[in-house]
Amino acid sequence: MTGVLPFTEANRKIVTLFYRRSLKLAYSWINRRDLYRKKAVEIRQQFEANKQLDDPKQLQHILKNTESLLYKYRHPDPIVPASRPGGTKFERNLHPSLDKPIPGHY
């Protein structure tokens, strides 16, 4: 990961990406809504604690630490929404193709 300056658009995008990945990871591990909500609030508090960080070296250290934690706690079989690629309903009921059929003997 390259050096990211605090309070920039690049920093906001990376932090947002890590926050969303953290929530999705917690959702994959916790299947009860009440426990997931508690964990989501805890994750939000951790991100809010470092919101006003302005030292680039410290920011770089925290981003690397967050990335390593996300990798360490990744789920072997994450939850994928049913109609998304990799989900159970992805391309289940496709509409017939309007293209000409490929000629050949079947």
Protein backbone atom coordinates (compact mmCIF):
# COMPACT_ATOMS: atom_id res chain seq x y z
CA MET A 1 0.00 0.00 0.00
CA THR A 2 1.43 3.37 -0.94
CA GLY A 3 1.61 6.30 1.43
CA VAL A 4 -1.73 8.03 1.83
CA LEU A 5 -2.05 11.55 3.19
CA PRO A 6 -4.68 12.20 5.84
CA PHE A 7 -7.88 14.07 4.97
CA THR A 8 -7.61 13.39 1.23
CA GLU A 9 -10.00 11.70 -1.17
CA ALA A 10 -7.69 8.68 -1.48
CA ASN A 11 -7.62 8.29 2.30
CA ARG A 12 -11.41 8.51 2.49
CA LYS A 13 -11.81 5.82 -0.17
CA ILE A 14 -9.39 3.42 1.53
CA VAL A 15 -10.94 3.91 4.96
CA THR A 16 -14.44 3.46 3.52
CA LEU A 17 -13.32 0.29 1.75
CA PHE A 18 -11.86 -1.12 4.98
CA TYR A 19 -14.97 -0.18 6.95
CA ARG A 20 -17.30 -1.90 4.49
CA ARG A 21 -15.05 -4.96 4.33
CA SER A 22 -15.04 -5.10 8.14
CA LEU A 23 -18.83 -5.02 8.28
CA LYS A 24 -19.17 -7.68 5.58
CA LEU A 25 -16.61 -9.86 7.33
CA ALA A 26 -18.46 -9.54 10.65
CA TYR A 27 -21.73 -10.39 8.87
CA SER A 28 -20.15 -13.56 7.46
CA TRP A 29 -19.03 -14.71 10.90
CA ILE A 30 -22.05 -13.68 13.01
CA ASN A 31 -25.43 -15.10 12.04
CA ARG A 32 -27.56 -13.50 14.76
CA ARG A 33 -28.75 -9.99 13.99
CA ASP A 34 -28.52 -8.69 17.57
CA LEU A 35 -24.92 -9.89 17.99
CA TYR A 36 -23.98 -8.58 14.56
CA ARG A 37 -25.37 -5.15 15.42
CA LYS A 38 -23.25 -5.00 18.59
CA LYS A 39 -20.17 -5.91 16.58
CA ALA A 40 -21.01 -3.31 13.91
CA VAL A 41 -21.23 -0.61 16.59
CA GLU A 42 -17.90 -1.78 18.00
CA ILE A 43 -16.29 -1.62 14.55
CA ARG A 44 -17.71 1.88 14.04
CA GLN A 45 -16.24 3.02 17.36
CA GLN A 46 -12.81 1.71 16.34
CA PHE A 47 -12.94 3.65 13.09
CA GLU A 48 -14.27 6.80 14.82
CA ALA A 49 -11.40 6.65 17.35
CA ASN A 50 -8.89 7.23 14.53
CA LYS A 51 -10.98 9.72 12.57
CA GLN A 52 -8.91 12.81 13.37
CA LEU A 53 -5.52 11.15 12.86
CA ASP A 54 -3.24 13.55 10.97
CA ASP A 55 0.21 11.92 11.14
CA PRO A 56 0.91 10.16 7.79
CA LYS A 57 3.24 7.56 9.35
CA GLN A 58 0.76 6.66 12.06
CA LEU A 59 -2.04 6.55 9.47
CA GLN A 60 0.05 4.23 7.29
CA HIS A 61 0.68 1.94 10.28
CA ILE A 62 -3.02 1.78 11.19
CA LEU A 63 -4.06 1.09 7.58
CA LYS A 64 -1.52 -1.75 7.28
CA ASN A 65 -2.65 -3.15 10.63
CA THR A 66 -6.30 -3.00 9.54
CA GLU A 67 -5.51 -4.72 6.25
CA SER A 68 -3.62 -7.50 8.01
CA LEU A 69 -6.49 -8.01 10.47
CA LEU A 70 -9.01 -8.23 7.64
CA TYR A 71 -6.83 -10.85 5.96
CA LYS A 72 -6.27 -12.77 9.19
CA TYR A 73 -9.99 -12.99 10.04
CA ARG A 74 -11.33 -13.57 6.53
CA HIS A 75 -14.12 -16.12 6.31
CA PRO A 76 -13.51 -19.36 4.37
CA ASP A 77 -17.07 -19.33 3.01
CA PRO A 78 -18.31 -15.72 3.06
CA ILE A 79 -21.97 -14.83 2.66
CA VAL A 80 -22.73 -13.74 -0.90
CA PRO A 81 -26.11 -12.17 -1.73
CA ALA A 82 -28.17 -14.67 -3.70
CA SER A 83 -28.45 -12.74 -6.96
CA ARG A 84 -24.81 -11.51 -7.01
CA PRO A 85 -22.07 -13.39 -8.91
CA GLY A 86 -21.25 -16.44 -6.83
CA GLY A 87 -24.66 -16.43 -5.16
CA THR A 88 -27.15 -19.29 -5.28
CA LYS A 89 -29.60 -17.54 -7.65
CA PHE A 90 -27.06 -15.90 -9.98
CA GLU A 91 -28.19 -16.41 -13.59
CA ARG A 92 -30.69 -19.05 -12.53
CA ASN A 93 -33.56 -17.94 -14.79
CA LEU A 94 -31.90 -16.41 -17.81
CA HIS A 95 -34.05 -15.07 -20.60
CA PRO A 96 -33.62 -16.84 -23.94
CA SER A 97 -30.96 -15.37 -26.18
CA LEU A 98 -32.19 -13.24 -29.07
CA ASP A 99 -29.07 -13.95 -31.12
CA LYS A 100 -29.10 -16.31 -34.08
CA PRO A 101 -28.38 -19.88 -33.13
CA ILE A 102 -24.93 -21.23 -33.91
CA PRO A 103 -25.16 -23.51 -36.96
CA GLY A 104 -24.14 -27.09 -36.46
CA HIS A 105 -25.36 -30.58 -35.82
CA TYR A 106 -26.53 -31.18 -32.29
